[in-house]
mmCIF file of all heavy atoms, coordinates in Angstrom:
data_MODEL
# 
_entry.id   MODEL 
# 
loop_
_atom_site.group_PDB 
_atom_site.id 
_atom_site.type_symbol 
_atom_site.label_atom_id 
_atom_site.label_alt_id 
_atom_site.label_comp_id 
_atom_site.label_asym_id 
_atom_site.label_entity_id 
_atom_site.label_seq_id 
_atom_site.pdbx_PDB_ins_code 
_atom_site.Cartn_x 
_atom_site.Cartn_y 
_atom_site.Cartn_z 
_atom_site.occupancy 
_atom_site.B_iso_or_equiv 
_atom_site.pdbx_formal_charge 
_atom_site.auth_seq_id 
_atom_site.auth_comp_id 
_atom_site.auth_asym_id 
_atom_site.auth_atom_id 
_atom_site.pdbx_PDB_model_num 
ATOM 1   N N   . SER A 1 1  ? -1.810  9.647  10.090  1.00 0.00 ? 1  SER A N   1 
ATOM 2   C CA  . SER A 1 1  ? -1.519  9.529  8.665   1.00 0.00 ? 1  SER A CA  1 
ATOM 3   C C   . SER A 1 1  ? -1.867  8.154  8.146   1.00 0.00 ? 1  SER A C   1 
ATOM 4   O O   . SER A 1 1  ? -1.393  7.153  8.687   1.00 0.00 ? 1  SER A O   1 
ATOM 5   C CB  . SER A 1 1  ? -0.032  9.785  8.399   1.00 0.00 ? 1  SER A CB  1 
ATOM 6   O OG  . SER A 1 1  ? 0.336   11.096 8.722   1.00 0.00 ? 1  SER A OG  1 
ATOM 7   N N   . PRO A 1 2  ? -2.649  8.085  7.086   1.00 0.00 ? 2  PRO A N   1 
ATOM 8   C CA  . PRO A 1 2  ? -2.804  6.795  6.408   1.00 0.00 ? 2  PRO A CA  1 
ATOM 9   C C   . PRO A 1 2  ? -1.450  6.344  5.877   1.00 0.00 ? 2  PRO A C   1 
ATOM 10  O O   . PRO A 1 2  ? -0.626  7.167  5.486   1.00 0.00 ? 2  PRO A O   1 
ATOM 11  C CB  . PRO A 1 2  ? -3.764  7.107  5.252   1.00 0.00 ? 2  PRO A CB  1 
ATOM 12  C CG  . PRO A 1 2  ? -4.444  8.374  5.648   1.00 0.00 ? 2  PRO A CG  1 
ATOM 13  C CD  . PRO A 1 2  ? -3.436  9.144  6.448   1.00 0.00 ? 2  PRO A CD  1 
ATOM 14  N N   . MET A 1 3  ? -1.227  5.042  5.863   1.00 0.00 ? 3  MET A N   1 
ATOM 15  C CA  . MET A 1 3  ? 0.042   4.500  5.406   1.00 0.00 ? 3  MET A CA  1 
ATOM 16  C C   . MET A 1 3  ? -0.205  3.424  4.365   1.00 0.00 ? 3  MET A C   1 
ATOM 17  O O   . MET A 1 3  ? -1.281  2.809  4.331   1.00 0.00 ? 3  MET A O   1 
ATOM 18  C CB  . MET A 1 3  ? 0.814   3.881  6.575   1.00 0.00 ? 3  MET A CB  1 
ATOM 19  C CG  . MET A 1 3  ? 1.181   4.852  7.683   1.00 0.00 ? 3  MET A CG  1 
ATOM 20  S SD  . MET A 1 3  ? 2.407   6.064  7.162   1.00 0.00 ? 3  MET A SD  1 
ATOM 21  C CE  . MET A 1 3  ? 3.832   5.010  6.878   1.00 0.00 ? 3  MET A CE  1 
ATOM 22  N N   . GLY A 1 4  ? 0.789   3.224  3.526   1.00 0.00 ? 4  GLY A N   1 
ATOM 23  C CA  . GLY A 1 4  ? 0.630   2.207  2.493   1.00 0.00 ? 4  GLY A CA  1 
ATOM 24  C C   . GLY A 1 4  ? 1.945   1.533  2.148   1.00 0.00 ? 4  GLY A C   1 
ATOM 25  O O   . GLY A 1 4  ? 3.024   2.034  2.493   1.00 0.00 ? 4  GLY A O   1 
ATOM 26  N N   . TRP A 1 5  ? 1.809   0.406  1.492   1.00 0.00 ? 5  TRP A N   1 
ATOM 27  C CA  . TRP A 1 5  ? 2.960   -0.317 0.945   1.00 0.00 ? 5  TRP A CA  1 
ATOM 28  C C   . TRP A 1 5  ? 2.748   -0.474 -0.562  1.00 0.00 ? 5  TRP A C   1 
ATOM 29  O O   . TRP A 1 5  ? 1.643   -0.792 -1.010  1.00 0.00 ? 5  TRP A O   1 
ATOM 30  C CB  . TRP A 1 5  ? 3.094   -1.701 1.565   1.00 0.00 ? 5  TRP A CB  1 
ATOM 31  C CG  . TRP A 1 5  ? 3.619   -1.713 2.962   1.00 0.00 ? 5  TRP A CG  1 
ATOM 32  C CD1 . TRP A 1 5  ? 2.888   -1.743 4.115   1.00 0.00 ? 5  TRP A CD1 1 
ATOM 33  C CD2 . TRP A 1 5  ? 4.988   -1.699 3.368   1.00 0.00 ? 5  TRP A CD2 1 
ATOM 34  N NE1 . TRP A 1 5  ? 3.720   -1.740 5.206   1.00 0.00 ? 5  TRP A NE1 1 
ATOM 35  C CE2 . TRP A 1 5  ? 5.022   -1.718 4.775   1.00 0.00 ? 5  TRP A CE2 1 
ATOM 36  C CE3 . TRP A 1 5  ? 6.205   -1.660 2.677   1.00 0.00 ? 5  TRP A CE3 1 
ATOM 37  C CZ2 . TRP A 1 5  ? 6.211   -1.703 5.513   1.00 0.00 ? 5  TRP A CZ2 1 
ATOM 38  C CZ3 . TRP A 1 5  ? 7.384   -1.651 3.395   1.00 0.00 ? 5  TRP A CZ3 1 
ATOM 39  C CH2 . TRP A 1 5  ? 7.383   -1.673 4.800   1.00 0.00 ? 5  TRP A CH2 1 
ATOM 40  N N   . PHE A 1 6  ? 3.824   -0.253 -1.290  1.00 0.00 ? 6  PHE A N   1 
ATOM 41  C CA  . PHE A 1 6  ? 3.843   -0.445 -2.732  1.00 0.00 ? 6  PHE A CA  1 
ATOM 42  C C   . PHE A 1 6  ? 5.047   -1.322 -3.073  1.00 0.00 ? 6  PHE A C   1 
ATOM 43  O O   . PHE A 1 6  ? 5.935   -1.520 -2.240  1.00 0.00 ? 6  PHE A O   1 
ATOM 44  C CB  . PHE A 1 6  ? 3.969   0.901  -3.456  1.00 0.00 ? 6  PHE A CB  1 
ATOM 45  C CG  . PHE A 1 6  ? 2.745   1.756  -3.361  1.00 0.00 ? 6  PHE A CG  1 
ATOM 46  C CD1 . PHE A 1 6  ? 2.419   2.423  -2.188  1.00 0.00 ? 6  PHE A CD1 1 
ATOM 47  C CD2 . PHE A 1 6  ? 1.891   1.904  -4.447  1.00 0.00 ? 6  PHE A CD2 1 
ATOM 48  C CE1 . PHE A 1 6  ? 1.278   3.213  -2.085  1.00 0.00 ? 6  PHE A CE1 1 
ATOM 49  C CE2 . PHE A 1 6  ? 0.753   2.685  -4.362  1.00 0.00 ? 6  PHE A CE2 1 
ATOM 50  C CZ  . PHE A 1 6  ? 0.444   3.335  -3.183  1.00 0.00 ? 6  PHE A CZ  1 
ATOM 51  N N   . ARG A 1 7  ? 5.092   -1.816 -4.294  1.00 0.00 ? 7  ARG A N   1 
ATOM 52  C CA  . ARG A 1 7  ? 6.245   -2.586 -4.716  1.00 0.00 ? 7  ARG A CA  1 
ATOM 53  C C   . ARG A 1 7  ? 6.523   -2.347 -6.187  1.00 0.00 ? 7  ARG A C   1 
ATOM 54  O O   . ARG A 1 7  ? 5.621   -2.002 -6.958  1.00 0.00 ? 7  ARG A O   1 
ATOM 55  C CB  . ARG A 1 7  ? 6.048   -4.069 -4.438  1.00 0.00 ? 7  ARG A CB  1 
ATOM 56  C CG  . ARG A 1 7  ? 4.962   -4.727 -5.264  1.00 0.00 ? 7  ARG A CG  1 
ATOM 57  C CD  . ARG A 1 7  ? 4.746   -6.171 -4.803  1.00 0.00 ? 7  ARG A CD  1 
ATOM 58  N NE  . ARG A 1 7  ? 3.732   -6.850 -5.596  1.00 0.00 ? 7  ARG A NE  1 
ATOM 59  C CZ  . ARG A 1 7  ? 3.262   -8.067 -5.334  1.00 0.00 ? 7  ARG A CZ  1 
ATOM 60  N NH1 . ARG A 1 7  ? 3.723   -8.740 -4.274  1.00 0.00 ? 7  ARG A NH1 1 
ATOM 61  N NH2 . ARG A 1 7  ? 2.350   -8.615 -6.104  1.00 0.00 ? 7  ARG A NH2 1 
ATOM 62  N N   . GLN A 1 8  ? 7.784   -2.560 -6.559  1.00 0.00 ? 8  GLN A N   1 
ATOM 63  C CA  . GLN A 1 8  ? 8.185   -2.402 -7.948  1.00 0.00 ? 8  GLN A CA  1 
ATOM 64  C C   . GLN A 1 8  ? 9.168   -3.504 -8.322  1.00 0.00 ? 8  GLN A C   1 
ATOM 65  O O   . GLN A 1 8  ? 10.240  -3.613 -7.728  1.00 0.00 ? 8  GLN A O   1 
ATOM 66  C CB  . GLN A 1 8  ? 8.822   -1.036 -8.183  1.00 0.00 ? 8  GLN A CB  1 
ATOM 67  C CG  . GLN A 1 8  ? 9.099   -0.755 -9.649  1.00 0.00 ? 8  GLN A CG  1 
ATOM 68  C CD  . GLN A 1 8  ? 9.469   0.695  -9.886  1.00 0.00 ? 8  GLN A CD  1 
ATOM 69  O OE1 . GLN A 1 8  ? 9.913   1.407  -8.995  1.00 0.00 ? 8  GLN A OE1 1 
ATOM 70  N NE2 . GLN A 1 8  ? 9.281   1.144  -11.116 1.00 0.00 ? 8  GLN A NE2 1 
ATOM 71  N N   . ALA A 1 9  ? 8.756   -4.298 -9.293  1.00 0.00 ? 9  ALA A N   1 
ATOM 72  C CA  . ALA A 1 9  ? 9.606   -5.358 -9.824  1.00 0.00 ? 9  ALA A CA  1 
ATOM 73  C C   . ALA A 1 9  ? 10.396  -4.817 -11.009 1.00 0.00 ? 9  ALA A C   1 
ATOM 74  O O   . ALA A 1 9  ? 9.987   -3.845 -11.639 1.00 0.00 ? 9  ALA A O   1 
ATOM 75  C CB  . ALA A 1 9  ? 8.759   -6.545 -10.243 1.00 0.00 ? 9  ALA A CB  1 
ATOM 76  N N   . PRO A 1 10 ? 11.527  -5.434 -11.330 1.00 0.00 ? 10 PRO A N   1 
ATOM 77  C CA  . PRO A 1 10 ? 12.332  -4.950 -12.464 1.00 0.00 ? 10 PRO A CA  1 
ATOM 78  C C   . PRO A 1 10 ? 11.525  -4.897 -13.750 1.00 0.00 ? 10 PRO A C   1 
ATOM 79  O O   . PRO A 1 10 ? 10.820  -5.853 -14.098 1.00 0.00 ? 10 PRO A O   1 
ATOM 80  C CB  . PRO A 1 10 ? 13.450  -6.001 -12.555 1.00 0.00 ? 10 PRO A CB  1 
ATOM 81  C CG  . PRO A 1 10 ? 13.558  -6.544 -11.181 1.00 0.00 ? 10 PRO A CG  1 
ATOM 82  C CD  . PRO A 1 10 ? 12.164  -6.549 -10.635 1.00 0.00 ? 10 PRO A CD  1 
ATOM 83  N N   . GLY A 1 11 ? 11.605  -3.766 -14.433 1.00 0.00 ? 11 GLY A N   1 
ATOM 84  C CA  . GLY A 1 11 ? 10.907  -3.606 -15.693 1.00 0.00 ? 11 GLY A CA  1 
ATOM 85  C C   . GLY A 1 11 ? 9.425   -3.340 -15.590 1.00 0.00 ? 11 GLY A C   1 
ATOM 86  O O   . GLY A 1 11 ? 8.736   -3.276 -16.612 1.00 0.00 ? 11 GLY A O   1 
ATOM 87  N N   . LYS A 1 12 ? 8.934   -3.204 -14.365 1.00 0.00 ? 12 LYS A N   1 
ATOM 88  C CA  . LYS A 1 12 ? 7.500   -2.965 -14.170 1.00 0.00 ? 12 LYS A CA  1 
ATOM 89  C C   . LYS A 1 12 ? 7.277   -1.660 -13.423 1.00 0.00 ? 12 LYS A C   1 
ATOM 90  O O   . LYS A 1 12 ? 8.176   -1.156 -12.755 1.00 0.00 ? 12 LYS A O   1 
ATOM 91  C CB  . LYS A 1 12 ? 6.862   -4.124 -13.409 1.00 0.00 ? 12 LYS A CB  1 
ATOM 92  C CG  . LYS A 1 12 ? 6.890   -5.447 -14.153 1.00 0.00 ? 12 LYS A CG  1 
ATOM 93  C CD  . LYS A 1 12 ? 6.092   -6.494 -13.408 1.00 0.00 ? 12 LYS A CD  1 
ATOM 94  C CE  . LYS A 1 12 ? 6.040   -7.803 -14.176 1.00 0.00 ? 12 LYS A CE  1 
ATOM 95  N NZ  . LYS A 1 12 ? 5.239   -8.845 -13.465 1.00 0.00 ? 12 LYS A NZ  1 
ATOM 96  N N   . GLU A 1 13 ? 6.065   -1.158 -13.526 1.00 0.00 ? 13 GLU A N   1 
ATOM 97  C CA  . GLU A 1 13 ? 5.715   0.048  -12.791 1.00 0.00 ? 13 GLU A CA  1 
ATOM 98  C C   . GLU A 1 13 ? 5.460   -0.305 -11.317 1.00 0.00 ? 13 GLU A C   1 
ATOM 99  O O   . GLU A 1 13 ? 5.115   -1.428 -10.975 1.00 0.00 ? 13 GLU A O   1 
ATOM 100 C CB  . GLU A 1 13 ? 4.475   0.697  -13.397 1.00 0.00 ? 13 GLU A CB  1 
ATOM 101 C CG  . GLU A 1 13 ? 4.714   1.244  -14.789 1.00 0.00 ? 13 GLU A CG  1 
ATOM 102 C CD  . GLU A 1 13 ? 3.530   2.048  -15.294 1.00 0.00 ? 13 GLU A CD  1 
ATOM 103 O OE1 . GLU A 1 13 ? 2.487   2.079  -14.616 1.00 0.00 ? 13 GLU A OE1 1 
ATOM 104 O OE2 . GLU A 1 13 ? 3.663   2.653  -16.370 1.00 0.00 ? 13 GLU A OE2 1 
ATOM 105 N N   . ARG A 1 14 ? 5.613   0.710  -10.494 1.00 0.00 ? 14 ARG A N   1 
ATOM 106 C CA  . ARG A 1 14 ? 5.318   0.513  -9.079  1.00 0.00 ? 14 ARG A CA  1 
ATOM 107 C C   . ARG A 1 14 ? 3.822   0.262  -8.910  1.00 0.00 ? 14 ARG A C   1 
ATOM 108 O O   . ARG A 1 14 ? 2.993   0.920  -9.556  1.00 0.00 ? 14 ARG A O   1 
ATOM 109 C CB  . ARG A 1 14 ? 5.764   1.734  -8.278  1.00 0.00 ? 14 ARG A CB  1 
ATOM 110 C CG  . ARG A 1 14 ? 5.711   1.532  -6.783  1.00 0.00 ? 14 ARG A CG  1 
ATOM 111 C CD  . ARG A 1 14 ? 6.644   2.468  -6.048  1.00 0.00 ? 14 ARG A CD  1 
ATOM 112 N NE  . ARG A 1 14 ? 6.419   3.867  -6.333  1.00 0.00 ? 14 ARG A NE  1 
ATOM 113 C CZ  . ARG A 1 14 ? 7.188   4.838  -5.840  1.00 0.00 ? 14 ARG A CZ  1 
ATOM 114 N NH1 . ARG A 1 14 ? 8.219   4.553  -5.068  1.00 0.00 ? 14 ARG A NH1 1 
ATOM 115 N NH2 . ARG A 1 14 ? 6.901   6.096  -6.135  1.00 0.00 ? 14 ARG A NH2 1 
ATOM 116 N N   . GLU A 1 15 ? 3.485   -0.691 -8.046  1.00 0.00 ? 15 GLU A N   1 
ATOM 117 C CA  . GLU A 1 15 ? 2.086   -1.053 -7.864  1.00 0.00 ? 15 GLU A CA  1 
ATOM 118 C C   . GLU A 1 15 ? 1.704   -1.052 -6.391  1.00 0.00 ? 15 GLU A C   1 
ATOM 119 O O   . GLU A 1 15 ? 2.536   -1.291 -5.510  1.00 0.00 ? 15 GLU A O   1 
ATOM 120 C CB  . GLU A 1 15 ? 1.802   -2.442 -8.465  1.00 0.00 ? 15 GLU A CB  1 
ATOM 121 C CG  . GLU A 1 15 ? 2.527   -3.578 -7.784  1.00 0.00 ? 15 GLU A CG  1 
ATOM 122 C CD  . GLU A 1 15 ? 2.129   -4.951 -8.334  1.00 0.00 ? 15 GLU A CD  1 
ATOM 123 O OE1 . GLU A 1 15 ? 1.321   -5.016 -9.276  1.00 0.00 ? 15 GLU A OE1 1 
ATOM 124 O OE2 . GLU A 1 15 ? 2.642   -5.952 -7.800  1.00 0.00 ? 15 GLU A OE2 1 
ATOM 125 N N   . PHE A 1 16 ? 0.455   -0.808 -6.167  1.00 0.00 ? 16 PHE A N   1 
ATOM 126 C CA  . PHE A 1 16 ? -0.114  -0.793 -4.829  1.00 0.00 ? 16 PHE A CA  1 
ATOM 127 C C   . PHE A 1 16 ? -0.140  -2.201 -4.249  1.00 0.00 ? 16 PHE A C   1 
ATOM 128 O O   . PHE A 1 16 ? -0.449  -3.164 -4.952  1.00 0.00 ? 16 PHE A O   1 
ATOM 129 C CB  . PHE A 1 16 ? -1.531  -0.227 -4.876  1.00 0.00 ? 16 PHE A CB  1 
ATOM 130 C CG  . PHE A 1 16 ? -2.327  -0.417 -3.622  1.00 0.00 ? 16 PHE A CG  1 
ATOM 131 C CD1 . PHE A 1 16 ? -2.119  0.406  -2.528  1.00 0.00 ? 16 PHE A CD1 1 
ATOM 132 C CD2 . PHE A 1 16 ? -3.266  -1.414 -3.532  1.00 0.00 ? 16 PHE A CD2 1 
ATOM 133 C CE1 . PHE A 1 16 ? -2.852  0.228  -1.364  1.00 0.00 ? 16 PHE A CE1 1 
ATOM 134 C CE2 . PHE A 1 16 ? -4.014  -1.606 -2.389  1.00 0.00 ? 16 PHE A CE2 1 
ATOM 135 C CZ  . PHE A 1 16 ? -3.799  -0.786 -1.299  1.00 0.00 ? 16 PHE A CZ  1 
ATOM 136 N N   . VAL A 1 17 ? 0.165   -2.306 -2.943  1.00 0.00 ? 17 VAL A N   1 
ATOM 137 C CA  . VAL A 1 17 ? 0.119   -3.598 -2.264  1.00 0.00 ? 17 VAL A CA  1 
ATOM 138 C C   . VAL A 1 17 ? -0.932  -3.588 -1.151  1.00 0.00 ? 17 VAL A C   1 
ATOM 139 O O   . VAL A 1 17 ? -1.818  -4.441 -1.114  1.00 0.00 ? 17 VAL A O   1 
ATOM 140 C CB  . VAL A 1 17 ? 1.491   -3.965 -1.661  1.00 0.00 ? 17 VAL A CB  1 
ATOM 141 C CG1 . VAL A 1 17 ? 1.395   -5.252 -0.848  1.00 0.00 ? 17 VAL A CG1 1 
ATOM 142 C CG2 . VAL A 1 17 ? 2.537   -4.104 -2.767  1.00 0.00 ? 17 VAL A CG2 1 
ATOM 143 N N   . ALA A 1 18 ? -0.814  -2.626 -0.237  1.00 0.00 ? 18 ALA A N   1 
ATOM 144 C CA  . ALA A 1 18 ? -1.714  -2.611 0.917   1.00 0.00 ? 18 ALA A CA  1 
ATOM 145 C C   . ALA A 1 18 ? -1.771  -1.209 1.505   1.00 0.00 ? 18 ALA A C   1 
ATOM 146 O O   . ALA A 1 18 ? -0.830  -0.430 1.357   1.00 0.00 ? 18 ALA A O   1 
ATOM 147 C CB  . ALA A 1 18 ? -1.259  -3.605 1.975   1.00 0.00 ? 18 ALA A CB  1 
ATOM 148 N N   . ALA A 1 19 ? -2.868  -0.917 2.190   1.00 0.00 ? 19 ALA A N   1 
ATOM 149 C CA  . ALA A 1 19 ? -3.036  0.382  2.825   1.00 0.00 ? 19 ALA A CA  1 
ATOM 150 C C   . ALA A 1 19 ? -3.754  0.216  4.150   1.00 0.00 ? 19 ALA A C   1 
ATOM 151 O O   . ALA A 1 19 ? -4.510  -0.747 4.343   1.00 0.00 ? 19 ALA A O   1 
ATOM 152 C CB  . ALA A 1 19 ? -3.827  1.325  1.917   1.00 0.00 ? 19 ALA A CB  1 
ATOM 153 N N   . ILE A 1 20 ? -3.527  1.195  5.031   1.00 0.00 ? 20 ILE A N   1 
ATOM 154 C CA  . ILE A 1 20 ? -4.161  1.153  6.344   1.00 0.00 ? 20 ILE A CA  1 
ATOM 155 C C   . ILE A 1 20 ? -4.501  2.570  6.784   1.00 0.00 ? 20 ILE A C   1 
ATOM 156 O O   . ILE A 1 20 ? -3.709  3.505  6.580   1.00 0.00 ? 20 ILE A O   1 
ATOM 157 C CB  . ILE A 1 20 ? -3.246  0.445  7.376   1.00 0.00 ? 20 ILE A CB  1 
ATOM 158 C CG1 . ILE A 1 20 ? -3.974  0.228  8.703   1.00 0.00 ? 20 ILE A CG1 1 
ATOM 159 C CG2 . ILE A 1 20 ? -1.942  1.202  7.563   1.00 0.00 ? 20 ILE A CG2 1 
ATOM 160 C CD1 . ILE A 1 20 ? -3.235  -0.729 9.643   1.00 0.00 ? 20 ILE A CD1 1 
ATOM 161 N N   . SER A 1 21 ? -5.667  2.744  7.356   1.00 0.00 ? 21 SER A N   1 
ATOM 162 C CA  . SER A 1 21 ? -6.046  4.043  7.889   1.00 0.00 ? 21 SER A CA  1 
ATOM 163 C C   . SER A 1 21 ? -5.277  4.321  9.175   1.00 0.00 ? 21 SER A C   1 
ATOM 164 O O   . SER A 1 21 ? -4.693  3.400  9.764   1.00 0.00 ? 21 SER A O   1 
ATOM 165 C CB  . SER A 1 21 ? -7.550  4.069  8.151   1.00 0.00 ? 21 SER A CB  1 
ATOM 166 O OG  . SER A 1 21 ? -7.890  3.079  9.122   1.00 0.00 ? 21 SER A OG  1 
ATOM 167 N N   . TRP A 1 22 ? -5.288  5.577  9.631   1.00 0.00 ? 22 TRP A N   1 
ATOM 168 C CA  . TRP A 1 22 ? -4.435  5.877  10.786  1.00 0.00 ? 22 TRP A CA  1 
ATOM 169 C C   . TRP A 1 22 ? -4.909  5.198  12.054  1.00 0.00 ? 22 TRP A C   1 
ATOM 170 O O   . TRP A 1 22 ? -4.128  4.892  12.949  1.00 0.00 ? 22 TRP A O   1 
ATOM 171 C CB  . TRP A 1 22 ? -4.262  7.380  10.998  1.00 0.00 ? 22 TRP A CB  1 
ATOM 172 C CG  . TRP A 1 22 ? -5.461  8.206  11.372  1.00 0.00 ? 22 TRP A CG  1 
ATOM 173 C CD1 . TRP A 1 22 ? -6.129  9.079  10.565  1.00 0.00 ? 22 TRP A CD1 1 
ATOM 174 C CD2 . TRP A 1 22 ? -6.115  8.298  12.646  1.00 0.00 ? 22 TRP A CD2 1 
ATOM 175 N NE1 . TRP A 1 22 ? -7.149  9.700  11.235  1.00 0.00 ? 22 TRP A NE1 1 
ATOM 176 C CE2 . TRP A 1 22 ? -7.162  9.240  12.533  1.00 0.00 ? 22 TRP A CE2 1 
ATOM 177 C CE3 . TRP A 1 22 ? -5.915  7.687  13.884  1.00 0.00 ? 22 TRP A CE3 1 
ATOM 178 C CZ2 . TRP A 1 22 ? -7.997  9.575  13.598  1.00 0.00 ? 22 TRP A CZ2 1 
ATOM 179 C CZ3 . TRP A 1 22 ? -6.736  8.021  14.940  1.00 0.00 ? 22 TRP A CZ3 1 
ATOM 180 C CH2 . TRP A 1 22 ? -7.769  8.950  14.791  1.00 0.00 ? 22 TRP A CH2 1 
ATOM 181 N N   . SER A 1 23 ? -6.191  4.921  12.136  1.00 0.00 ? 23 SER A N   1 
ATOM 182 C CA  . SER A 1 23 ? -6.702  4.237  13.320  1.00 0.00 ? 23 SER A CA  1 
ATOM 183 C C   . SER A 1 23 ? -6.455  2.738  13.263  1.00 0.00 ? 23 SER A C   1 
ATOM 184 O O   . SER A 1 23 ? -6.584  2.045  14.274  1.00 0.00 ? 23 SER A O   1 
ATOM 185 C CB  . SER A 1 23 ? -8.203  4.489  13.442  1.00 0.00 ? 23 SER A CB  1 
ATOM 186 O OG  . SER A 1 23 ? -8.877  3.846  12.391  1.00 0.00 ? 23 SER A OG  1 
ATOM 187 N N   . GLY A 1 24 ? -6.144  2.241  12.054  1.00 0.00 ? 24 GLY A N   1 
ATOM 188 C CA  . GLY A 1 24 ? -5.992  0.811  11.883  1.00 0.00 ? 24 GLY A CA  1 
ATOM 189 C C   . GLY A 1 24 ? -7.303  0.085  11.652  1.00 0.00 ? 24 GLY A C   1 
ATOM 190 O O   . GLY A 1 24 ? -7.302  -1.121 11.405  1.00 0.00 ? 24 GLY A O   1 
ATOM 191 N N   . VAL A 1 25 ? -8.408  0.811  11.705  1.00 0.00 ? 25 VAL A N   1 
ATOM 192 C CA  . VAL A 1 25 ? -9.731  0.195  11.548  1.00 0.00 ? 25 VAL A CA  1 
ATOM 193 C C   . VAL A 1 25 ? -9.910  -0.352 10.143  1.00 0.00 ? 25 VAL A C   1 
ATOM 194 O O   . VAL A 1 25 ? -10.490 -1.420 9.941   1.00 0.00 ? 25 VAL A O   1 
ATOM 195 C CB  . VAL A 1 25 ? -10.834 1.227  11.867  1.00 0.00 ? 25 VAL A CB  1 
ATOM 196 C CG1 . VAL A 1 25 ? -12.190 0.717  11.417  1.00 0.00 ? 25 VAL A CG1 1 
ATOM 197 C CG2 . VAL A 1 25 ? -10.850 1.533  13.346  1.00 0.00 ? 25 VAL A CG2 1 
ATOM 198 N N   . ASN A 1 26 ? -9.448  0.407  9.156   1.00 0.00 ? 26 ASN A N   1 
ATOM 199 C CA  . ASN A 1 26 ? -9.633  -0.010 7.764   1.00 0.00 ? 26 ASN A CA  1 
ATOM 200 C C   . ASN A 1 26 ? -8.319  -0.383 7.100   1.00 0.00 ? 26 ASN A C   1 
ATOM 201 O O   . ASN A 1 26 ? -7.319  0.326  7.243   1.00 0.00 ? 26 ASN A O   1 
ATOM 202 C CB  . ASN A 1 26 ? -10.290 1.106  6.967   1.00 0.00 ? 26 ASN A CB  1 
ATOM 203 C CG  . ASN A 1 26 ? -11.773 1.216  7.263   1.00 0.00 ? 26 ASN A CG  1 
ATOM 204 O OD1 . ASN A 1 26 ? -12.396 0.271  7.709   1.00 0.00 ? 26 ASN A OD1 1 
ATOM 205 N ND2 . ASN A 1 26 ? -12.333 2.380  7.022   1.00 0.00 ? 26 ASN A ND2 1 
ATOM 206 N N   . THR A 1 27 ? -8.343  -1.482 6.387   1.00 0.00 ? 27 THR A N   1 
ATOM 207 C CA  . THR A 1 27 ? -7.220  -1.914 5.573   1.00 0.00 ? 27 THR A CA  1 
ATOM 208 C C   . THR A 1 27 ? -7.725  -2.303 4.195   1.00 0.00 ? 27 THR A C   1 
ATOM 209 O O   . THR A 1 27 ? -8.917  -2.597 4.022   1.00 0.00 ? 27 THR A O   1 
ATOM 210 C CB  . THR A 1 27 ? -6.489  -3.122 6.196   1.00 0.00 ? 27 THR A CB  1 
ATOM 211 O OG1 . THR A 1 27 ? -7.429  -4.194 6.367   1.00 0.00 ? 27 THR A OG1 1 
ATOM 212 C CG2 . THR A 1 27 ? -5.886  -2.771 7.543   1.00 0.00 ? 27 THR A CG2 1 
ATOM 213 N N   . TYR A 1 28 ? -6.815  -2.289 3.244   1.00 0.00 ? 28 TYR A N   1 
ATOM 214 C CA  . TYR A 1 28 ? -7.196  -2.638 1.869   1.00 0.00 ? 28 TYR A CA  1 
ATOM 215 C C   . TYR A 1 28 ? -5.996  -3.278 1.196   1.00 0.00 ? 28 TYR A C   1 
ATOM 216 O O   . TYR A 1 28 ? -4.860  -2.868 1.417   1.00 0.00 ? 28 TYR A O   1 
ATOM 217 C CB  . TYR A 1 28 ? -7.628  -1.378 1.117   1.00 0.00 ? 28 TYR A CB  1 
ATOM 218 C CG  . TYR A 1 28 ? -8.252  -1.674 -0.220  1.00 0.00 ? 28 TYR A CG  1 
ATOM 219 C CD1 . TYR A 1 28 ? -9.590  -2.055 -0.322  1.00 0.00 ? 28 TYR A CD1 1 
ATOM 220 C CD2 . TYR A 1 28 ? -7.516  -1.579 -1.395  1.00 0.00 ? 28 TYR A CD2 1 
ATOM 221 C CE1 . TYR A 1 28 ? -10.167 -2.328 -1.544  1.00 0.00 ? 28 TYR A CE1 1 
ATOM 222 C CE2 . TYR A 1 28 ? -8.087  -1.855 -2.621  1.00 0.00 ? 28 TYR A CE2 1 
ATOM 223 C CZ  . TYR A 1 28 ? -9.403  -2.224 -2.692  1.00 0.00 ? 28 TYR A CZ  1 
ATOM 224 O OH  . TYR A 1 28 ? -9.973  -2.512 -3.903  1.00 0.00 ? 28 TYR A OH  1 
ATOM 225 N N   . TYR A 1 29 ? -6.263  -4.286 0.356   1.00 0.00 ? 29 TYR A N   1 
ATOM 226 C CA  . TYR A 1 29 ? -5.182  -5.045 -0.261  1.00 0.00 ? 29 TYR A CA  1 
ATOM 227 C C   . TYR A 1 29 ? -5.388  -5.196 -1.757  1.00 0.00 ? 29 TYR A C   1 
ATOM 228 O O   . TYR A 1 29 ? -6.518  -5.275 -2.232  1.00 0.00 ? 29 TYR A O   1 
ATOM 229 C CB  . TYR A 1 29 ? -5.100  -6.445 0.355   1.00 0.00 ? 29 TYR A CB  1 
ATOM 230 C CG  . TYR A 1 29 ? -4.821  -6.447 1.828   1.00 0.00 ? 29 TYR A CG  1 
ATOM 231 C CD1 . TYR A 1 29 ? -5.864  -6.429 2.751   1.00 0.00 ? 29 TYR A CD1 1 
ATOM 232 C CD2 . TYR A 1 29 ? -3.516  -6.431 2.316   1.00 0.00 ? 29 TYR A CD2 1 
ATOM 233 C CE1 . TYR A 1 29 ? -5.615  -6.403 4.111   1.00 0.00 ? 29 TYR A CE1 1 
ATOM 234 C CE2 . TYR A 1 29 ? -3.249  -6.416 3.675   1.00 0.00 ? 29 TYR A CE2 1 
ATOM 235 C CZ  . TYR A 1 29 ? -4.307  -6.401 4.562   1.00 0.00 ? 29 TYR A CZ  1 
ATOM 236 O OH  . TYR A 1 29 ? -4.051  -6.379 5.914   1.00 0.00 ? 29 TYR A OH  1 
# 
C-alpha cells in the first residue's frame, strides 16, 4: 500500500505533506 502523511492547522484545510510507494523506491514531498 502506498502511504502518505497529511496535516491540518487550525482554520485551514488538510494539506498533503509526503508520500511513499509501497516499495519505498519513490517518495514525494
